[in-house]
Amino acid sequence: MKKIKYFGILFLLFGLNIMGVSAKASASLSVNKSSVENGSKVTASVKVSGTAAWNIKIASSGATSGCTQKFADATENGKNTTKTFTVTCKATSIGTINFTLSGDISGEDGAPINVSGNKSVKVVAPREKSKNNNLKSLEVVGYEISPKFDKSVNEYSVSVPSTVEKITINATKEDSYSTISGTGEKEVSEGLNEFEIVVTSETGVSNSYKVKVNVLDQNPIEVSVNDVKYTVVKEAKNLEKPELFEATTVKIGEYDIPAFVSESAGYTLVGLKDEAGNISLFIYDDGKYTKFNEYLTKRLSLVFLESKDIPKGFAKGKELINEEEVAVYKKDDIILVYAKNLEDGKEGYYRYDKKNGTVISFDVDKYEEEVEDAKVCKYLIYGLAGVSLGLFLALILVLVKNKNKLEKISEKLEEVKENRKKKNKDETLS
């Protein structure tokens, strides 16, 4: 009984094997899209199975320039195989692309089987590309950002404890066709850390969102400058080195604070952060802090100062230069600033051109000499003019007096002449 059962199982397996070998050859037609935009491409595929030889054609018609193709071949060993043949068409007008399959295939037995099939793809007008480059959500995992997320707001801030070394920024885009970058795990260190998340629309226009992560200082060095509260910046990466300065450190309290030094100017700079998180450089001198307002031109690097002595004839005032109020000295259309040149450490006056935002060196002593010379010339001109006027008047008086004398002489001559005529007449009559 057991032998019969075992023989039956073997017969069944052998029969299934025969069925697999002699399985009927088949072919099927498919498309990768049911609908495409005009100008896009679509692919039609024919899959043949249990096939040793094939002679088929995939034809296209309708809203396309055409991609008809024939496929004819056979396996090298005459055994059945499975293959896929494809054609790709480009849609050229609104409407329908029709694909048809025709031909024949055969298996190992050589018996031909006719195959056929058809598929259609709808061609629609192109979709207008999306201009949406907004975020749908934004978060720093585990912390609350400020202000609350709004897609129209582009800057956010968040504070984290000093023990935090990494944060994770998650964001989702509002439009599926846009792309997003800048998210994920980020390393942070004490102080201000800034990250940018960029959303680019399908049309290629980018929109940038900024997240400022402030890693809190557990032992801040707090100072006050002109009644404004600041904390000393302890991380060098949060500072930008100004030109003509070298990076160094300075001891403030028990901390080595990142700083910048200029030997020629004799300045040491440190960074101070205000309550809004804005960082500025200040001149540090034995516990005292003075705002470092550097003004750069193509040839000058200046630090504005206040002059102890106002130039003669000038009045002290204020001007907004480099986004800071600076002491200036005005006279007529001349505006002077007093500054230290960081290249040589020398202090002096510079003339400020408000229209062009430029400065040039100004020699006050030479200017005052020129003013004095101008005054002397002015008085000399006035003196010469007075003398000339006096001479002119004297000349007129002389001329007037001479004129009177000439008139009397003329009258005398006329009288003599008349007397002579009268005498000559009397002599003639006698």
Protein backbone atom coordinates (compact mmCIF):
# COMPACT_ATOMS: atom_id res chain seq x y z
CA MET A 1 0.00 0.00 0.00
CA LYS A 2 2.86 2.33 0.90
CA LYS A 3 4.59 1.50 -2.42
CA ILE A 4 1.44 2.36 -4.37
CA LYS A 5 1.10 5.70 -2.54
CA TYR A 6 4.74 6.54 -3.18
CA PHE A 7 4.42 5.63 -6.87
CA GLY A 8 1.37 7.86 -7.17
CA ILE A 9 3.21 10.86 -5.77
CA LEU A 10 6.08 10.33 -8.20
CA PHE A 11 3.64 10.05 -11.10
CA LEU A 12 1.94 13.31 -10.04
CA LEU A 13 5.23 15.17 -9.81
CA PHE A 14 6.29 13.82 -13.20
CA GLY A 15 2.99 14.88 -14.69
CA LEU A 16 3.30 18.41 -13.29
CA ASN A 17 6.82 18.61 -14.72
CA ILE A 18 5.53 17.60 -18.13
CA MET A 19 2.79 20.23 -17.88
CA GLY A 20 5.41 22.91 -16.99
CA VAL A 21 7.57 22.01 -19.95
CA SER A 22 4.75 21.92 -22.40
CA ALA A 23 2.90 24.92 -21.00
CA LYS A 24 1.23 26.89 -23.76
CA ALA A 25 3.13 29.93 -25.05
CA SER A 26 1.48 33.29 -24.33
CA ALA A 27 1.92 37.02 -24.92
CA SER A 28 0.38 40.05 -23.22
CA LEU A 29 0.35 43.78 -24.09
CA SER A 30 0.53 46.52 -21.43
CA VAL A 31 1.24 50.29 -21.13
CA ASN A 32 3.02 52.12 -18.30
CA LYS A 33 0.49 54.98 -18.21
CA SER A 34 -3.20 55.26 -18.93
CA SER A 35 -2.95 59.02 -19.47
CA VAL A 36 -0.10 61.35 -20.46
CA GLU A 37 0.36 65.04 -21.10
CA ASN A 38 0.90 66.21 -24.64
CA GLY A 39 4.64 66.26 -25.29
CA SER A 40 5.32 63.47 -22.79
CA LYS A 41 6.30 59.87 -23.50
CA VAL A 42 4.52 56.56 -22.94
CA THR A 43 5.87 53.00 -23.18
CA ALA A 44 4.04 49.91 -24.46
CA SER A 45 5.39 46.47 -23.51
CA VAL A 46 4.77 42.91 -24.72
CA LYS A 47 5.70 40.05 -22.42
CA VAL A 48 6.03 36.59 -23.99
CA SER A 49 6.15 33.50 -21.80
CA GLY A 50 6.83 29.80 -22.53
CA THR A 51 8.16 30.89 -25.90
CA ALA A 52 10.99 29.53 -27.99
CA ALA A 53 10.38 31.66 -31.10
CA TRP A 54 8.48 34.85 -31.84
CA ASN A 55 7.51 37.09 -34.71
CA ILE A 56 5.47 39.99 -33.32
CA LYS A 57 4.78 43.65 -34.02
CA ILE A 58 3.81 46.50 -31.70
CA ALA A 59 2.09 49.20 -33.72
CA SER A 60 1.06 52.70 -32.65
CA SER A 61 -1.43 55.17 -34.09
CA GLY A 62 -3.38 58.26 -33.13
CA ALA A 63 -1.95 61.23 -31.17
CA THR A 64 1.69 60.31 -31.71
CA SER A 65 4.43 60.57 -34.30
CA GLY A 66 4.61 56.78 -34.24
CA CYS A 67 6.85 54.12 -32.70
CA THR A 68 5.87 50.89 -34.50
CA GLN A 69 8.45 48.11 -34.20
CA LYS A 70 8.84 44.41 -35.10
CA PHE A 71 10.53 41.74 -33.01
CA ALA A 72 11.48 38.37 -34.56
CA ASP A 73 13.92 35.80 -33.15
CA ALA A 74 14.26 32.47 -31.38
CA THR A 75 16.20 31.07 -28.44
CA GLU A 76 19.59 29.56 -29.29
CA ASN A 77 18.83 26.19 -27.70
CA GLY A 78 15.22 26.01 -28.83
CA LYS A 79 14.03 26.03 -25.23
CA ASN A 80 11.20 28.14 -23.90
CA THR A 81 11.96 31.49 -22.28
CA THR A 82 10.29 34.65 -21.04
CA LYS A 83 11.07 37.99 -22.68
CA THR A 84 9.74 41.54 -22.69
CA PHE A 85 9.75 43.87 -25.70
CA THR A 86 9.05 47.62 -25.45
CA VAL A 87 8.43 50.66 -27.62
CA THR A 88 8.26 54.27 -26.44
CA CYS A 89 6.11 56.90 -28.14
CA LYS A 90 5.91 60.66 -27.71
CA ALA A 91 2.46 62.28 -27.56
CA THR A 92 2.14 64.95 -30.24
CA SER A 93 -1.46 66.14 -29.89
CA ILE A 94 -4.49 65.99 -27.63
CA GLY A 95 -6.44 62.76 -28.17
CA THR A 96 -5.65 59.04 -27.89
CA ILE A 97 -2.64 56.86 -28.66
CA ASN A 98 -3.60 53.33 -29.73
CA PHE A 99 -1.21 50.41 -29.36
CA THR A 100 -1.85 47.05 -31.07
CA LEU A 101 -0.09 43.69 -30.82
CA SER A 102 -0.03 41.25 -33.76
CA GLY A 103 2.02 38.25 -34.95
CA ASP A 104 2.69 34.73 -33.70
CA ILE A 105 4.80 32.87 -31.19
CA SER A 106 5.67 29.20 -30.68
CA GLY A 107 6.93 27.02 -27.88
CA GLU A 108 9.40 24.14 -27.94
CA ASP A 109 6.92 22.00 -29.88
CA GLY A 110 7.12 24.49 -32.78
CA ALA A 111 3.34 24.94 -33.01
CA PRO A 112 2.63 28.62 -33.90
CA ILE A 113 0.10 30.59 -31.88
CA ASN A 114 -1.36 33.82 -33.19
CA VAL A 115 -1.26 36.69 -30.68
CA SER A 116 -3.12 39.99 -30.57
CA GLY A 117 -4.08 42.77 -28.23
CA ASN A 118 -4.67 46.49 -27.96
CA LYS A 119 -4.28 49.26 -25.40
CA SER A 120 -5.14 52.95 -25.51
CA VAL A 121 -3.59 55.91 -23.73
CA LYS A 122 -5.35 59.25 -23.31
CA VAL A 123 -3.36 62.37 -24.21
CA VAL A 124 -4.34 65.50 -22.29
CA ALA A 125 -3.21 69.13 -22.32
CA PRO A 126 -0.01 69.75 -20.28
CA ARG A 127 -0.54 70.75 -16.68
CA GLU A 128 0.73 74.21 -15.78
CA LYS A 129 3.83 73.85 -13.61
CA SER A 130 3.31 74.69 -9.95
CA LYS A 131 4.81 77.87 -8.50
CA ASN A 132 4.17 76.78 -4.93
CA ASN A 133 7.40 76.86 -2.88
CA ASN A 134 5.93 76.98 0.62
CA LEU A 135 6.40 74.70 3.59
CA LYS A 136 3.40 72.93 5.05
CA SER A 137 5.03 72.31 8.43
CA LEU A 138 8.28 72.98 10.26
CA GLU A 139 9.54 71.75 13.61
CA VAL A 140 12.61 71.25 15.74
CA VAL A 141 11.82 67.87 17.27
CA GLY A 142 11.20 68.10 20.99
CA TYR A 143 11.25 71.92 21.17
CA GLU A 144 8.81 74.74 20.43
CA ILE A 145 9.80 77.20 17.72
CA SER A 146 8.92 80.88 17.87
CA PRO A 147 6.82 82.27 16.33
CA LYS A 148 4.33 79.49 15.72
CA PHE A 149 4.78 78.11 12.21
CA ASP A 150 3.15 80.07 9.41
CA LYS A 151 4.12 79.38 5.80
CA SER A 152 4.41 83.13 5.14
CA VAL A 153 6.93 83.63 7.98
CA ASN A 154 10.50 82.79 7.00
CA GLU A 155 12.49 83.15 10.24
CA TYR A 156 12.12 81.17 13.46
CA SER A 157 14.07 80.73 16.66
CA VAL A 158 14.30 78.11 19.38
CA SER A 159 16.33 77.75 22.57
CA VAL A 160 17.79 74.46 23.75
CA PRO A 161 19.80 73.53 26.89
CA SER A 162 23.59 73.68 26.87
CA THR A 163 23.71 69.88 27.12
CA VAL A 164 22.20 69.47 23.63
CA GLU A 165 24.71 68.64 20.90
CA LYS A 166 22.31 67.63 18.11
CA ILE A 167 18.83 68.65 17.03
CA THR A 168 16.51 67.33 14.30
CA ILE A 169 14.68 69.64 11.92
CA ASN A 170 11.60 68.19 10.24
CA ALA A 171 9.65 69.93 7.51
CA THR A 172 7.04 69.01 4.90
CA LYS A 173 6.33 70.76 1.64
CA GLU A 174 2.93 72.15 0.76
CA ASP A 175 3.10 71.07 -2.88
CA SER A 176 4.02 67.58 -4.02
CA TYR A 177 5.83 68.91 -7.11
CA SER A 178 8.27 71.04 -5.09
CA THR A 179 11.56 69.86 -3.57
CA ILE A 180 12.94 70.49 -0.09
CA SER A 181 16.46 70.56 1.37
CA GLY A 182 18.11 71.39 4.69
CA THR A 183 16.17 69.09 7.00
CA GLY A 184 17.46 66.27 9.19
CA GLU A 185 19.87 65.94 12.10
CA LYS A 186 22.09 68.95 12.79
CA GLU A 187 25.00 69.50 15.15
CA VAL A 188 24.80 72.54 17.45
CA SER A 189 27.18 74.19 19.89
CA GLU A 190 26.86 76.84 22.56
CA GLY A 191 25.58 80.12 21.22
CA LEU A 192 23.67 80.87 18.05
CA ASN A 193 23.34 78.19 15.35
CA GLU A 194 21.56 79.06 12.12
CA PHE A 195 20.07 76.60 9.64
CA GLU A 196 18.36 77.12 6.29
CA ILE A 197 15.55 75.03 4.82
CA VAL A 198 15.01 75.67 1.12
CA VAL A 199 11.82 74.83 -0.81
CA THR A 200 12.10 74.96 -4.61
CA SER A 201 8.95 75.08 -6.71
CA GLU A 202 8.40 73.03 -9.85
CA THR A 203 9.18 76.21 -11.81
CA GLY A 204 12.59 76.45 -10.13
CA VAL A 205 11.95 79.36 -7.74
CA SER A 206 13.35 78.90 -4.23
CA ASN A 207 11.95 79.99 -0.89
CA SER A 208 14.24 79.99 2.16
CA TYR A 209 13.19 79.41 5.76
CA LYS A 210 15.71 80.08 8.56
CA VAL A 211 15.81 78.45 11.97
CA LYS A 212 18.04 80.03 14.63
CA VAL A 213 18.87 77.55 17.38
CA ASN A 214 20.23 79.21 20.51
CA VAL A 215 22.12 76.80 22.75
CA LEU A 216 21.77 78.43 26.15
CA ASP A 217 24.85 79.42 28.11
CA GLN A 218 24.47 78.09 31.65
CA ASN A 219 27.06 80.57 33.00
CA PRO A 220 26.70 83.71 30.87
CA ILE A 221 28.99 86.73 31.23
CA GLU A 222 26.52 89.61 31.30
CA VAL A 223 27.56 93.20 30.57
CA SER A 224 25.80 96.51 30.00
CA VAL A 225 26.85 99.05 27.36
CA ASN A 226 24.99 102.36 27.16
CA ASP A 227 22.13 100.83 29.20
CA VAL A 228 21.79 97.92 26.74
CA LYS A 229 22.21 94.39 28.13
CA TYR A 230 24.55 91.96 26.38
CA THR A 231 26.19 88.59 26.98
CA VAL A 232 29.78 87.85 25.93
CA VAL A 233 30.06 85.42 22.99
CA LYS A 234 32.12 82.37 23.99
CA GLU A 235 32.11 80.47 20.67
CA ALA A 236 34.53 81.61 17.93
CA LYS A 237 32.33 80.07 15.22
CA ASN A 238 29.68 82.68 15.95
CA LEU A 239 32.05 85.55 15.12
CA GLU A 240 33.36 86.85 11.81
CA LYS A 241 36.94 88.12 11.74
CA PRO A 242 37.23 91.71 10.47
CA GLU A 243 39.93 92.66 8.00
CA LEU A 244 43.33 93.66 9.37
CA PHE A 245 42.68 91.76 12.63
CA GLU A 246 44.08 88.44 13.85
CA ALA A 247 42.19 85.80 15.86
CA THR A 248 43.23 85.40 19.49
CA THR A 249 41.68 84.92 22.94
CA VAL A 250 41.31 87.19 25.94
CA LYS A 251 40.70 86.24 29.55
CA ILE A 252 37.39 87.52 30.91
CA GLY A 253 36.66 86.14 34.32
CA GLU A 254 37.55 82.45 34.29
CA TYR A 255 36.91 82.01 30.58
CA ASP A 256 39.15 82.27 27.52
CA ILE A 257 36.99 84.36 25.21
CA PRO A 258 37.52 84.38 21.40
CA ALA A 259 38.77 87.78 20.28
CA PHE A 260 40.45 89.66 17.43
CA VAL A 261 43.49 91.91 17.82
CA SER A 262 45.05 94.69 15.71
CA GLU A 263 48.59 95.58 16.81
CA SER A 264 48.71 98.74 14.68
CA ALA A 265 45.38 100.07 15.98
CA GLY A 266 45.92 98.77 19.51
CA TYR A 267 42.42 97.28 19.61
CA THR A 268 41.11 94.01 21.01
CA LEU A 269 37.64 93.04 19.86
CA VAL A 270 35.15 90.64 21.44
CA GLY A 271 31.61 89.68 20.45
CA LEU A 272 28.56 90.73 22.46
CA LYS A 273 25.06 89.34 21.90
CA ASP A 274 21.97 91.41 22.67
CA GLU A 275 18.69 90.07 24.04
CA ALA A 276 17.36 89.56 20.49
CA GLY A 277 20.30 87.28 19.63
CA ASN A 278 22.11 89.82 17.42
CA ILE A 279 25.90 89.71 17.69
CA SER A 280 28.17 92.76 17.28
CA LEU A 281 31.86 93.40 17.83
CA PHE A 282 33.00 95.68 20.68
CA ILE A 283 36.39 97.11 21.58
CA TYR A 284 37.44 95.50 24.86
CA ASP A 285 39.79 97.39 27.19
CA ASP A 286 40.24 96.19 30.78
CA GLY A 287 36.57 95.42 31.40
CA LYS A 288 35.24 98.31 29.32
CA TYR A 289 33.31 97.81 26.06
CA THR A 290 32.97 100.31 23.18
CA LYS A 291 30.98 99.65 20.01
CA PHE A 292 33.32 98.81 17.12
CA ASN A 293 31.98 100.65 14.10
CA GLU A 294 34.28 99.77 11.22
CA TYR A 295 33.91 101.55 7.89
CA LEU A 296 35.57 99.95 4.85
CA THR A 297 36.33 101.59 1.50
CA LYS A 298 38.42 100.32 -1.39
CA ARG A 299 41.55 101.79 0.20
CA LEU A 300 40.64 102.55 3.81
CA SER A 301 39.64 100.60 6.87
CA LEU A 302 38.47 103.05 9.52
CA VAL A 303 37.06 103.05 13.02
CA PHE A 304 35.00 106.17 13.74
CA LEU A 305 35.90 108.14 16.88
CA GLU A 306 34.95 111.45 18.48
CA SER A 307 37.44 114.29 18.22
CA LYS A 308 38.44 116.08 21.41
CA ASP A 309 39.00 119.35 19.52
CA ILE A 310 36.43 120.52 17.00
CA PRO A 311 38.03 122.12 13.92
CA LYS A 312 37.74 125.92 13.81
CA GLY A 313 34.49 127.04 12.18
CA PHE A 314 32.91 123.56 12.26
CA ALA A 315 29.85 122.47 14.25
CA LYS A 316 29.46 119.00 15.76
CA GLY A 317 26.56 116.86 14.54
CA LYS A 318 25.44 113.30 13.79
CA GLU A 319 25.18 111.29 10.55
CA LEU A 320 23.99 107.73 9.88
CA ILE A 321 27.04 106.01 8.37
CA ASN A 322 27.35 102.25 7.97
CA GLU A 323 23.95 101.96 9.70
CA GLU A 324 25.34 103.60 12.85
CA GLU A 325 25.11 107.15 14.21
CA VAL A 326 28.55 108.72 13.91
CA ALA A 327 29.87 112.04 15.23
CA VAL A 328 30.53 114.44 12.33
CA TYR A 329 31.76 118.02 12.01
CA LYS A 330 30.00 120.28 9.52
CA LYS A 331 30.77 123.57 7.84
CA ASP A 332 28.82 124.72 4.80
CA ASP A 333 28.87 121.69 2.46
CA ILE A 334 31.86 120.03 4.16
CA ILE A 335 31.25 117.00 6.43
CA LEU A 336 34.21 115.65 8.40
CA VAL A 337 34.56 112.47 10.45
CA TYR A 338 37.31 111.66 12.91
CA ALA A 339 38.62 108.09 12.66
CA LYS A 340 41.52 105.72 13.23
CA ASN A 341 43.06 104.04 10.18
CA LEU A 342 43.47 100.37 11.06
CA GLU A 343 46.31 99.91 8.58
CA ASP A 344 48.70 102.31 10.33
CA GLY A 345 46.91 103.03 13.62
CA LYS A 346 46.91 106.80 12.96
CA GLU A 347 43.97 109.04 13.85
CA GLY A 348 42.82 111.95 11.77
CA TYR A 349 40.04 113.70 9.91
CA TYR A 350 38.35 112.43 6.76
CA ARG A 351 35.95 114.21 4.48
CA TYR A 352 32.70 112.28 4.05
CA ASP A 353 30.78 112.38 0.77
CA LYS A 354 27.20 111.74 1.86
CA LYS A 355 25.92 111.24 -1.69
CA ASN A 356 28.43 108.57 -2.69
CA GLY A 357 29.14 107.17 0.79
CA THR A 358 32.91 107.61 0.41
CA VAL A 359 35.64 109.19 2.54
CA ILE A 360 39.01 110.75 1.74
CA SER A 361 41.78 111.96 4.02
CA PHE A 362 41.39 115.61 5.05
CA ASP A 363 44.24 117.85 6.34
CA VAL A 364 42.57 120.21 8.83
CA ASP A 365 45.74 122.29 9.41
CA LYS A 366 46.21 122.86 5.70
CA TYR A 367 42.52 123.72 5.34
CA GLU A 368 42.75 126.29 8.15
CA GLU A 369 45.85 127.82 6.53
CA GLU A 370 43.97 128.06 3.24
CA VAL A 371 41.05 129.70 5.04
CA GLU A 372 43.43 132.26 6.63
CA ASP A 373 45.13 132.87 3.29
CA ALA A 374 41.74 133.35 1.72
CA LYS A 375 40.87 135.91 4.40
CA VAL A 376 44.15 137.82 3.80
CA CYS A 377 43.52 137.79 0.06
CA LYS A 378 40.00 138.98 0.68
CA TYR A 379 41.16 141.91 2.82
CA LEU A 380 43.91 142.74 0.32
CA ILE A 381 41.40 142.78 -2.49
CA TYR A 382 39.10 144.99 -0.45
CA GLY A 383 42.09 147.33 0.31
CA LEU A 384 43.19 147.53 -3.29
CA ALA A 385 39.64 148.14 -4.33
CA GLY A 386 39.44 151.03 -1.80
CA VAL A 387 42.71 152.57 -2.97
CA SER A 388 41.64 152.25 -6.60
CA LEU A 389 38.36 153.92 -5.82
CA GLY A 390 40.18 156.82 -4.04
CA LEU A 391 42.54 157.32 -6.96
CA PHE A 392 39.65 157.26 -9.35
CA LEU A 393 37.80 159.93 -7.37
CA ALA A 394 40.96 162.07 -7.10
CA LEU A 395 41.44 161.83 -10.82
CA ILE A 396 37.89 162.97 -11.37
CA LEU A 397 38.44 166.01 -9.05
CA VAL A 398 41.59 166.93 -10.92
CA LEU A 399 39.79 166.66 -14.20
CA VAL A 400 36.91 168.77 -12.90
CA LYS A 401 39.27 171.49 -11.63
CA ASN A 402 41.24 171.45 -14.87
CA LYS A 403 38.02 171.68 -16.81
CA ASN A 404 37.07 174.90 -14.99
CA LYS A 405 40.50 176.42 -15.75
CA LEU A 406 40.24 175.43 -19.38
CA GLU A 407 36.80 177.01 -19.61
CA LYS A 408 38.16 180.35 -18.21
CA ILE A 409 41.12 180.28 -20.60
CA SER A 410 38.73 179.61 -23.45
CA GLU A 411 36.56 182.54 -22.42
CA LYS A 412 39.63 184.81 -22.30
CA LEU A 413 40.70 183.71 -25.76
CA GLU A 414 37.23 184.38 -27.10
CA GLU A 415 37.27 187.85 -25.49
CA VAL A 416 40.69 188.63 -27.02
CA LYS A 417 39.49 187.38 -30.33
CA GLU A 418 36.38 189.58 -30.24
CA ASN A 419 38.43 192.63 -29.26
CA ARG A 420 40.83 192.03 -32.12
CA LYS A 421 37.97 191.75 -34.59
CA LYS A 422 36.47 195.00 -33.30
CA LYS A 423 39.86 196.80 -33.54
CA ASN A 424 40.38 195.59 -37.09
CA LYS A 425 36.90 196.83 -38.06
CA ASP A 426 37.51 200.30 -36.61
CA GLU A 427 40.81 200.64 -38.44
CA THR A 428 39.13 199.73 -41.71
CA LEU A 429 36.45 202.42 -41.30
CA SER A 430 39.02 205.11 -40.54
